[in-house]
Amino acid sequence: MILPKSSRCTFELLENIDRHKQLLEDLDTNPKNREFFPDGALSKEDIPKLIERFTNSYKNYKTPVFMIFNESKEFIGRAGFSYCKEIEEIEVGYVLDYKSWGKGYATEILEALLSWAHVNLSNKKIYAFTGVDHLASIKVMQKVGMKFVENKNLKGIECVLYEYEN
């Protein structure tokens, strides 16, 4: 598989292996990292189901999720694509360790993913959404050229939905 490329980050395909499971436990069970997610932090028991959902999405829709490492080879988050039942479309999303917030990683990662999608996904549009109060993520979507579609209730909260012409 051809991996996304960016100047400061390395992308590794998420797999159901112990190392990835441990990294995701550290990331997704931390309430600070998931403060803008409607379901908040996950439990350790949720992580195998999360990995299964992402790996099944990859098998069924060719929508990968990647483990993201910074220039010092430190794990800083996960990002990628999945099928979103609520909008019946492919979405792009990310979760970054809060220590990496405000450093431009989200924009860099989203740009790399959308460039990768242009070559590797046949979908005409890619969607992203976040809570209406998550101004930092809204700015990231705007910076990478995503266009506002509508406000929509998704996953139990009022969200802004953006699209990218692939």
N, C-alpha and C. Protein backbone atom coordinates (compact mmCIF):
# COMPACT_ATOMS: atom_id res chain seq x y z
N MET A 1 0.84 -1.19 0.00
CA MET A 1 0.00 0.00 0.00
C MET A 1 0.88 1.25 0.00
N ILE A 2 0.47 2.21 -0.80
CA ILE A 2 1.13 3.51 -0.80
C ILE A 2 0.58 4.29 0.40
N LEU A 3 1.48 4.82 1.23
CA LEU A 3 1.07 5.55 2.43
C LEU A 3 1.02 7.05 2.17
N PRO A 4 0.19 7.76 2.92
CA PRO A 4 0.20 9.23 2.81
C PRO A 4 1.58 9.76 3.19
N LYS A 5 1.89 10.96 2.69
CA LYS A 5 3.17 11.58 3.00
C LYS A 5 2.95 13.01 3.47
N SER A 6 3.75 13.41 4.46
CA SER A 6 3.77 14.80 4.90
C SER A 6 5.18 15.12 5.37
N SER A 7 5.45 16.39 5.58
CA SER A 7 6.81 16.78 5.90
C SER A 7 7.26 16.35 7.29
N ARG A 8 6.34 16.32 8.25
CA ARG A 8 6.75 16.02 9.62
C ARG A 8 6.23 14.70 10.17
N CYS A 9 5.30 14.06 9.47
CA CYS A 9 4.64 12.88 10.01
C CYS A 9 4.90 11.64 9.18
N THR A 10 4.90 10.52 9.87
CA THR A 10 4.99 9.20 9.24
C THR A 10 3.66 8.50 9.48
N PHE A 11 3.16 7.84 8.45
CA PHE A 11 1.88 7.13 8.51
C PHE A 11 2.14 5.63 8.45
N GLU A 12 1.43 4.91 9.31
CA GLU A 12 1.54 3.45 9.36
C GLU A 12 0.12 2.89 9.35
N LEU A 13 -0.17 1.94 8.47
CA LEU A 13 -1.51 1.36 8.39
C LEU A 13 -1.88 0.71 9.73
N LEU A 14 -3.05 1.07 10.25
CA LEU A 14 -3.55 0.47 11.49
C LEU A 14 -3.82 -1.01 11.26
N GLU A 15 -3.26 -1.82 12.12
CA GLU A 15 -3.48 -3.27 12.06
C GLU A 15 -3.86 -3.77 13.45
N ASN A 16 -4.42 -4.95 13.49
CA ASN A 16 -4.81 -5.56 14.76
C ASN A 16 -3.59 -6.26 15.36
N ILE A 17 -2.65 -5.45 15.85
CA ILE A 17 -1.44 -5.99 16.49
C ILE A 17 -1.31 -5.35 17.86
N ASP A 18 -0.59 -6.03 18.75
CA ASP A 18 -0.49 -5.57 20.13
C ASP A 18 0.05 -4.15 20.25
N ARG A 19 1.05 -3.81 19.46
CA ARG A 19 1.64 -2.47 19.55
C ARG A 19 0.61 -1.39 19.23
N HIS A 20 -0.17 -1.60 18.17
CA HIS A 20 -1.20 -0.62 17.81
C HIS A 20 -2.30 -0.58 18.87
N LYS A 21 -2.66 -1.74 19.40
CA LYS A 21 -3.69 -1.78 20.44
C LYS A 21 -3.26 -0.96 21.64
N GLN A 22 -2.02 -1.11 22.07
CA GLN A 22 -1.54 -0.36 23.23
C GLN A 22 -1.51 1.14 22.95
N LEU A 23 -1.05 1.52 21.77
CA LEU A 23 -1.02 2.95 21.42
C LEU A 23 -2.41 3.55 21.39
N LEU A 24 -3.37 2.80 20.83
CA LEU A 24 -4.75 3.29 20.79
C LEU A 24 -5.38 3.35 22.18
N GLU A 25 -5.02 2.39 23.04
CA GLU A 25 -5.51 2.46 24.43
C GLU A 25 -5.06 3.75 25.08
N ASP A 26 -3.78 4.07 24.92
CA ASP A 26 -3.24 5.29 25.51
C ASP A 26 -3.92 6.54 24.94
N LEU A 27 -4.18 6.54 23.65
CA LEU A 27 -4.79 7.68 22.97
C LEU A 27 -6.27 7.83 23.31
N ASP A 28 -7.03 6.76 23.07
CA ASP A 28 -8.49 6.86 23.09
C ASP A 28 -9.13 6.69 24.46
N THR A 29 -8.36 6.27 25.46
CA THR A 29 -8.93 6.21 26.81
C THR A 29 -8.61 7.48 27.60
N ASN A 30 -7.89 8.40 27.00
CA ASN A 30 -7.55 9.67 27.67
C ASN A 30 -8.67 10.68 27.41
N PRO A 31 -9.36 11.11 28.46
CA PRO A 31 -10.49 12.05 28.28
C PRO A 31 -10.08 13.37 27.61
N LYS A 32 -8.90 13.85 27.85
CA LYS A 32 -8.45 15.11 27.25
C LYS A 32 -8.37 14.97 25.72
N ASN A 33 -7.86 13.83 25.24
CA ASN A 33 -7.74 13.62 23.80
C ASN A 33 -9.09 13.55 23.10
N ARG A 34 -10.11 13.14 23.85
CA ARG A 34 -11.43 12.93 23.24
C ARG A 34 -12.47 13.88 23.81
N GLU A 35 -12.04 15.05 24.27
CA GLU A 35 -12.99 15.96 24.91
C GLU A 35 -14.04 16.49 23.95
N PHE A 36 -13.80 16.47 22.65
CA PHE A 36 -14.77 16.97 21.68
C PHE A 36 -15.59 15.84 21.04
N PHE A 37 -15.43 14.61 21.52
CA PHE A 37 -16.20 13.48 21.01
C PHE A 37 -17.44 13.29 21.89
N PRO A 38 -18.60 13.06 21.28
CA PRO A 38 -19.83 12.95 22.08
C PRO A 38 -19.79 11.81 23.09
N ASP A 39 -19.09 10.72 22.76
CA ASP A 39 -19.03 9.59 23.68
C ASP A 39 -17.83 9.67 24.62
N GLY A 40 -17.04 10.73 24.53
CA GLY A 40 -15.90 10.92 25.44
C GLY A 40 -14.85 9.86 25.29
N ALA A 41 -14.11 9.65 26.36
CA ALA A 41 -13.03 8.66 26.36
C ALA A 41 -13.62 7.25 26.25
N LEU A 42 -12.89 6.40 25.58
CA LEU A 42 -13.29 5.00 25.48
C LEU A 42 -12.70 4.21 26.64
N SER A 43 -13.23 3.03 26.88
CA SER A 43 -12.66 2.13 27.87
C SER A 43 -11.66 1.21 27.16
N LYS A 44 -10.81 0.57 27.93
CA LYS A 44 -9.86 -0.38 27.34
C LYS A 44 -10.60 -1.49 26.60
N GLU A 45 -11.78 -1.84 27.09
CA GLU A 45 -12.58 -2.89 26.46
C GLU A 45 -13.13 -2.45 25.10
N ASP A 46 -13.23 -1.15 24.87
CA ASP A 46 -13.73 -0.63 23.60
C ASP A 46 -12.68 -0.70 22.48
N ILE A 47 -11.41 -0.75 22.82
CA ILE A 47 -10.35 -0.64 21.83
C ILE A 47 -10.36 -1.78 20.81
N PRO A 48 -10.50 -3.05 21.22
CA PRO A 48 -10.57 -4.11 20.19
C PRO A 48 -11.74 -3.92 19.21
N LYS A 49 -12.88 -3.42 19.70
CA LYS A 49 -14.03 -3.16 18.82
C LYS A 49 -13.72 -2.02 17.86
N LEU A 50 -13.01 -1.00 18.34
CA LEU A 50 -12.61 0.12 17.50
C LEU A 50 -11.69 -0.37 16.38
N ILE A 51 -10.71 -1.17 16.74
CA ILE A 51 -9.77 -1.70 15.75
C ILE A 51 -10.51 -2.57 14.75
N GLU A 52 -11.42 -3.39 15.23
CA GLU A 52 -12.21 -4.26 14.33
C GLU A 52 -13.05 -3.42 13.37
N ARG A 53 -13.67 -2.35 13.87
CA ARG A 53 -14.47 -1.47 13.00
C ARG A 53 -13.61 -0.86 11.91
N PHE A 54 -12.43 -0.36 12.28
CA PHE A 54 -11.54 0.26 11.30
C PHE A 54 -10.98 -0.75 10.31
N THR A 55 -10.57 -1.92 10.78
CA THR A 55 -10.01 -2.91 9.85
C THR A 55 -11.09 -3.49 8.94
N ASN A 56 -12.32 -3.64 9.45
CA ASN A 56 -13.42 -4.09 8.59
C ASN A 56 -13.77 -3.04 7.55
N SER A 57 -13.74 -1.78 7.93
CA SER A 57 -14.00 -0.70 6.98
C SER A 57 -12.95 -0.72 5.87
N TYR A 58 -11.73 -1.00 6.25
CA TYR A 58 -10.65 -1.08 5.25
C TYR A 58 -10.91 -2.25 4.29
N LYS A 59 -11.29 -3.40 4.83
CA LYS A 59 -11.56 -4.57 3.98
C LYS A 59 -12.76 -4.33 3.06
N ASN A 60 -13.83 -3.74 3.61
CA ASN A 60 -15.08 -3.59 2.85
C ASN A 60 -15.12 -2.37 1.93
N TYR A 61 -14.48 -1.28 2.34
CA TYR A 61 -14.60 -0.03 1.59
C TYR A 61 -13.25 0.52 1.12
N LYS A 62 -12.16 -0.17 1.46
CA LYS A 62 -10.80 0.30 1.10
C LYS A 62 -10.52 1.66 1.73
N THR A 63 -11.02 1.85 2.95
CA THR A 63 -10.84 3.11 3.68
C THR A 63 -9.91 2.86 4.87
N PRO A 64 -8.64 3.15 4.73
CA PRO A 64 -7.69 2.85 5.80
C PRO A 64 -7.68 3.90 6.92
N VAL A 65 -7.23 3.45 8.08
CA VAL A 65 -6.91 4.33 9.19
C VAL A 65 -5.43 4.14 9.46
N PHE A 66 -4.76 5.24 9.76
CA PHE A 66 -3.32 5.22 9.94
C PHE A 66 -2.94 5.64 11.35
N MET A 67 -1.88 5.04 11.83
CA MET A 67 -1.23 5.48 13.06
C MET A 67 -0.26 6.57 12.64
N ILE A 68 -0.21 7.67 13.40
CA ILE A 68 0.58 8.83 13.01
C ILE A 68 1.72 9.05 14.01
N PHE A 69 2.92 9.23 13.46
CA PHE A 69 4.11 9.47 14.27
C PHE A 69 4.75 10.78 13.82
N ASN A 70 5.26 11.54 14.79
CA ASN A 70 5.88 12.82 14.44
C ASN A 70 7.33 12.63 14.02
N GLU A 71 8.02 13.74 13.78
CA GLU A 71 9.38 13.69 13.28
C GLU A 71 10.35 13.06 14.27
N SER A 72 9.98 12.99 15.56
CA SER A 72 10.79 12.33 16.58
C SER A 72 10.38 10.87 16.77
N LYS A 73 9.50 10.39 15.88
CA LYS A 73 9.00 9.01 15.89
C LYS A 73 8.08 8.72 17.08
N GLU A 74 7.54 9.78 17.69
CA GLU A 74 6.60 9.61 18.78
C GLU A 74 5.20 9.46 18.21
N PHE A 75 4.42 8.56 18.78
CA PHE A 75 3.03 8.38 18.36
C PHE A 75 2.23 9.60 18.80
N ILE A 76 1.55 10.24 17.84
CA ILE A 76 0.77 11.44 18.16
C ILE A 76 -0.72 11.28 17.88
N GLY A 77 -1.13 10.18 17.24
CA GLY A 77 -2.56 10.01 17.00
C GLY A 77 -2.88 9.03 15.90
N ARG A 78 -4.16 9.04 15.55
CA ARG A 78 -4.63 8.21 14.44
C ARG A 78 -5.47 9.07 13.54
N ALA A 79 -5.50 8.70 12.28
CA ALA A 79 -6.28 9.47 11.31
C ALA A 79 -6.56 8.58 10.12
N GLY A 80 -7.67 8.84 9.46
CA GLY A 80 -7.97 8.06 8.28
C GLY A 80 -9.41 8.18 7.86
N PHE A 81 -9.86 7.16 7.19
CA PHE A 81 -11.17 7.15 6.54
C PHE A 81 -12.02 6.01 7.07
N SER A 82 -13.32 6.21 7.05
CA SER A 82 -14.23 5.12 7.37
C SER A 82 -15.59 5.43 6.76
N TYR A 83 -16.40 4.40 6.65
CA TYR A 83 -17.76 4.58 6.18
C TYR A 83 -18.59 5.07 7.36
N CYS A 84 -19.29 6.17 7.17
CA CYS A 84 -20.14 6.75 8.22
C CYS A 84 -21.60 6.45 7.90
N LYS A 85 -22.22 5.61 8.72
CA LYS A 85 -23.60 5.21 8.48
C LYS A 85 -24.57 6.39 8.51
N GLU A 86 -24.31 7.36 9.41
CA GLU A 86 -25.24 8.48 9.58
C GLU A 86 -25.39 9.32 8.31
N ILE A 87 -24.33 9.43 7.53
CA ILE A 87 -24.42 10.22 6.30
C ILE A 87 -24.29 9.35 5.05
N GLU A 88 -24.08 8.05 5.25
CA GLU A 88 -23.95 7.08 4.16
C GLU A 88 -22.87 7.49 3.16
N GLU A 89 -21.76 7.97 3.70
CA GLU A 89 -20.63 8.43 2.89
C GLU A 89 -19.32 8.09 3.59
N ILE A 90 -18.23 8.30 2.88
CA ILE A 90 -16.90 8.12 3.46
C ILE A 90 -16.52 9.40 4.20
N GLU A 91 -16.06 9.23 5.43
CA GLU A 91 -15.62 10.37 6.22
C GLU A 91 -14.12 10.26 6.48
N VAL A 92 -13.52 11.41 6.69
CA VAL A 92 -12.13 11.47 7.12
C VAL A 92 -12.14 12.05 8.53
N GLY A 93 -11.29 11.51 9.39
CA GLY A 93 -11.26 12.01 10.76
C GLY A 93 -9.92 11.73 11.41
N TYR A 94 -9.75 12.29 12.57
CA TYR A 94 -8.49 12.11 13.30
C TYR A 94 -8.72 12.31 14.79
N VAL A 95 -7.83 11.72 15.56
CA VAL A 95 -7.72 11.96 17.00
C VAL A 95 -6.23 12.16 17.26
N LEU A 96 -5.90 13.31 17.82
CA LEU A 96 -4.50 13.59 18.15
C LEU A 96 -4.33 13.68 19.66
N ASP A 97 -3.19 13.23 20.13
CA ASP A 97 -2.84 13.41 21.53
C ASP A 97 -2.84 14.90 21.84
N TYR A 98 -3.45 15.29 22.94
CA TYR A 98 -3.60 16.71 23.24
C TYR A 98 -2.26 17.44 23.30
N LYS A 99 -1.17 16.74 23.58
CA LYS A 99 0.15 17.38 23.62
C LYS A 99 0.60 17.82 22.22
N SER A 100 -0.07 17.33 21.19
CA SER A 100 0.25 17.70 19.80
C SER A 100 -0.68 18.77 19.24
N TRP A 101 -1.66 19.18 20.02
CA TRP A 101 -2.62 20.20 19.56
C TRP A 101 -1.90 21.54 19.39
N GLY A 102 -2.38 22.33 18.44
CA GLY A 102 -1.88 23.68 18.25
C GLY A 102 -0.52 23.78 17.59
N LYS A 103 -0.07 22.71 17.00
CA LYS A 103 1.26 22.68 16.37
C LYS A 103 1.19 22.48 14.86
N GLY A 104 -0.02 22.53 14.30
CA GLY A 104 -0.18 22.38 12.86
C GLY A 104 -0.26 20.95 12.36
N TYR A 105 -0.20 19.99 13.27
CA TYR A 105 -0.25 18.59 12.83
C TYR A 105 -1.59 18.22 12.19
N ALA A 106 -2.69 18.68 12.76
CA ALA A 106 -4.00 18.31 12.22
C ALA A 106 -4.14 18.76 10.77
N THR A 107 -3.74 19.98 10.48
CA THR A 107 -3.81 20.48 9.10
C THR A 107 -2.90 19.67 8.19
N GLU A 108 -1.68 19.44 8.63
CA GLU A 108 -0.73 18.68 7.82
C GLU A 108 -1.24 17.26 7.55
N ILE A 109 -1.78 16.62 8.56
CA ILE A 109 -2.29 15.25 8.42
C ILE A 109 -3.50 15.23 7.49
N LEU A 110 -4.43 16.16 7.67
CA LEU A 110 -5.63 16.18 6.83
C LEU A 110 -5.27 16.47 5.37
N GLU A 111 -4.34 17.38 5.14
CA GLU A 111 -3.88 17.63 3.77
C GLU A 111 -3.29 16.37 3.15
N ALA A 112 -2.46 15.66 3.91
CA ALA A 112 -1.84 14.43 3.41
C ALA A 112 -2.89 13.38 3.10
N LEU A 113 -3.89 13.25 3.97
CA LEU A 113 -4.94 12.25 3.75
C LEU A 113 -5.78 12.58 2.53
N LEU A 114 -6.12 13.84 2.35
CA LEU A 114 -6.94 14.22 1.18
C LEU A 114 -6.14 14.06 -0.12
N SER A 115 -4.87 14.35 -0.09
CA SER A 115 -4.02 14.10 -1.27
C SER A 115 -3.96 12.61 -1.57
N TRP A 116 -3.81 11.81 -0.53
CA TRP A 116 -3.78 10.35 -0.69
C TRP A 116 -5.11 9.87 -1.27
N ALA A 117 -6.22 10.38 -0.75
CA ALA A 117 -7.55 9.97 -1.22
C ALA A 117 -7.75 10.29 -2.68
N HIS A 118 -7.23 11.42 -3.13
CA HIS A 118 -7.39 11.83 -4.53
C HIS A 118 -6.83 10.77 -5.47
N VAL A 119 -5.77 10.11 -5.07
CA VAL A 119 -5.12 9.09 -5.90
C VAL A 119 -5.67 7.69 -5.63
N ASN A 120 -6.08 7.42 -4.39
CA ASN A 120 -6.36 6.04 -3.97
C ASN A 120 -7.82 5.70 -3.69
N LEU A 121 -8.69 6.69 -3.58
CA LEU A 121 -10.12 6.41 -3.36
C LEU A 121 -10.93 6.89 -4.55
N SER A 122 -11.93 6.13 -4.91
CA SER A 122 -12.75 6.49 -6.07
C SER A 122 -13.94 7.39 -5.70
N ASN A 123 -14.15 7.62 -4.44
CA ASN A 123 -15.28 8.45 -4.01
C ASN A 123 -15.14 9.86 -4.55
N LYS A 124 -16.24 10.41 -5.03
CA LYS A 124 -16.22 11.77 -5.58
C LYS A 124 -16.11 12.82 -4.47
N LYS A 125 -16.63 12.49 -3.29
CA LYS A 125 -16.58 13.43 -2.16
C LYS A 125 -16.15 12.70 -0.90
N ILE A 126 -15.44 13.43 -0.06
CA ILE A 126 -15.03 12.94 1.25
C ILE A 126 -15.62 13.94 2.25
N TYR A 127 -16.17 13.43 3.34
CA TYR A 127 -16.82 14.28 4.33
C TYR A 127 -16.06 14.28 5.65
N ALA A 128 -16.26 15.34 6.40
CA ALA A 128 -15.74 15.44 7.77
C ALA A 128 -16.74 16.23 8.59
N PHE A 129 -16.79 15.94 9.87
CA PHE A 129 -17.68 16.70 10.73
C PHE A 129 -17.09 16.81 12.13
N THR A 130 -17.56 17.80 12.82
CA THR A 130 -17.17 18.01 14.22
C THR A 130 -18.29 18.78 14.90
N GLY A 131 -18.26 18.81 16.21
CA GLY A 131 -19.24 19.58 16.96
C GLY A 131 -19.16 21.06 16.61
N VAL A 132 -20.30 21.72 16.64
CA VAL A 132 -20.35 23.14 16.25
C VAL A 132 -19.45 24.01 17.12
N ASP A 133 -19.09 23.55 18.31
CA ASP A 133 -18.26 24.33 19.22
C ASP A 133 -16.77 24.02 19.11
N HIS A 134 -16.41 23.10 18.24
CA HIS A 134 -14.99 22.71 18.11
C HIS A 134 -14.33 23.57 17.03
N LEU A 135 -14.06 24.81 17.39
CA LEU A 135 -13.58 25.80 16.43
C LEU A 135 -12.24 25.43 15.80
N ALA A 136 -11.35 24.80 16.56
CA ALA A 136 -10.04 24.43 16.00
C ALA A 136 -10.20 23.45 14.84
N SER A 137 -11.04 22.44 15.00
CA SER A 137 -11.24 21.47 13.91
C SER A 137 -11.97 22.09 12.73
N ILE A 138 -12.88 23.00 13.00
CA ILE A 138 -13.57 23.69 11.91
C ILE A 138 -12.55 24.48 11.09
N LYS A 139 -11.63 25.16 11.75
CA LYS A 139 -10.59 25.91 11.05
C LYS A 139 -9.71 24.99 10.20
N VAL A 140 -9.39 23.81 10.74
CA VAL A 140 -8.58 22.85 9.99
C VAL A 140 -9.30 22.44 8.71
N MET A 141 -10.58 22.12 8.80
CA MET A 141 -11.34 21.72 7.61
C MET A 141 -11.36 22.85 6.59
N GLN A 142 -11.52 24.07 7.04
CA GLN A 142 -11.53 25.21 6.13
C GLN A 142 -10.16 25.43 5.49
N LYS A 143 -9.09 25.30 6.28
CA LYS A 143 -7.73 25.52 5.78
C LYS A 143 -7.36 24.57 4.65
N VAL A 144 -7.86 23.32 4.71
CA VAL A 144 -7.50 22.34 3.69
C VAL A 144 -8.45 22.38 2.49
N GLY A 145 -9.37 23.34 2.48
CA GLY A 145 -10.23 23.52 1.31
C GLY A 145 -11.55 22.78 1.36
N MET A 146 -11.92 22.25 2.52
CA MET A 146 -13.23 21.61 2.63
C MET A 146 -14.30 22.69 2.67
N LYS A 147 -15.46 22.38 2.12
CA LYS A 147 -16.57 23.34 2.03
C LYS A 147 -17.70 22.94 2.98
N PHE A 148 -18.24 23.95 3.63
CA PHE A 148 -19.36 23.75 4.55
C PHE A 148 -20.57 23.23 3.77
N VAL A 149 -21.22 22.19 4.32
CA VAL A 149 -22.43 21.63 3.72
C VAL A 149 -23.66 22.04 4.53
N GLU A 150 -23.66 21.71 5.83
CA GLU A 150 -24.81 22.02 6.67
C GLU A 150 -24.50 21.71 8.13
N ASN A 151 -25.34 22.24 9.00
CA ASN A 151 -25.35 21.80 10.39
C ASN A 151 -26.24 20.57 10.44
N LYS A 152 -25.81 19.56 11.18
CA LYS A 152 -26.55 18.31 11.19
C LYS A 152 -26.32 17.62 12.53
N ASN A 153 -27.34 16.97 13.06
CA ASN A 153 -27.18 16.19 14.27
C ASN A 153 -26.54 14.86 13.91
N LEU A 154 -25.34 14.64 14.40
CA LEU A 154 -24.60 13.40 14.15
C LEU A 154 -24.06 12.87 15.47
N LYS A 155 -24.22 11.59 15.67
CA LYS A 155 -23.73 10.94 16.89
C LYS A 155 -24.26 11.63 18.15
N GLY A 156 -25.47 12.18 18.03
CA GLY A 156 -26.14 12.74 19.19
C GLY A 156 -25.81 14.18 19.51
N ILE A 157 -25.01 14.87 18.68
CA ILE A 157 -24.71 16.27 18.94
C ILE A 157 -24.85 17.09 17.66
N GLU A 158 -25.02 18.39 17.83
CA GLU A 158 -25.10 19.29 16.68
C GLU A 158 -23.70 19.47 16.09
N CYS A 159 -23.57 19.15 14.82
CA CYS A 159 -22.27 19.18 14.14
C CYS A 159 -22.31 20.08 12.92
N VAL A 160 -21.12 20.45 12.47
CA VAL A 160 -20.96 21.07 11.16
C VAL A 160 -20.42 19.98 10.25
N LEU A 161 -21.01 19.86 9.07
CA LEU A 161 -20.60 18.87 8.09
C LEU A 161 -19.90 19.59 6.94
N TYR A 162 -18.71 19.11 6.59
CA TYR A 162 -17.93 19.67 5.50
C TYR A 162 -17.67 18.60 4.46
N GLU A 163 -17.44 19.01 3.22
CA GLU A 163 -17.13 18.05 2.15
C GLU A 163 -15.90 18.52 1.38
N TYR A 164 -15.26 17.53 0.77
CA TYR A 164 -14.09 17.78 -0.07
C TYR A 164 -14.33 17.10 -1.40
N GLU A 165 -14.23 17.86 -2.48
CA GLU A 165 -14.37 17.29 -3.83
C GLU A 165 -13.10 16.52 -4.14
N ASN A 166 -13.24 15.22 -4.25
CA ASN A 166 -12.06 14.37 -4.45
C ASN A 166 -11.68 14.37 -5.91
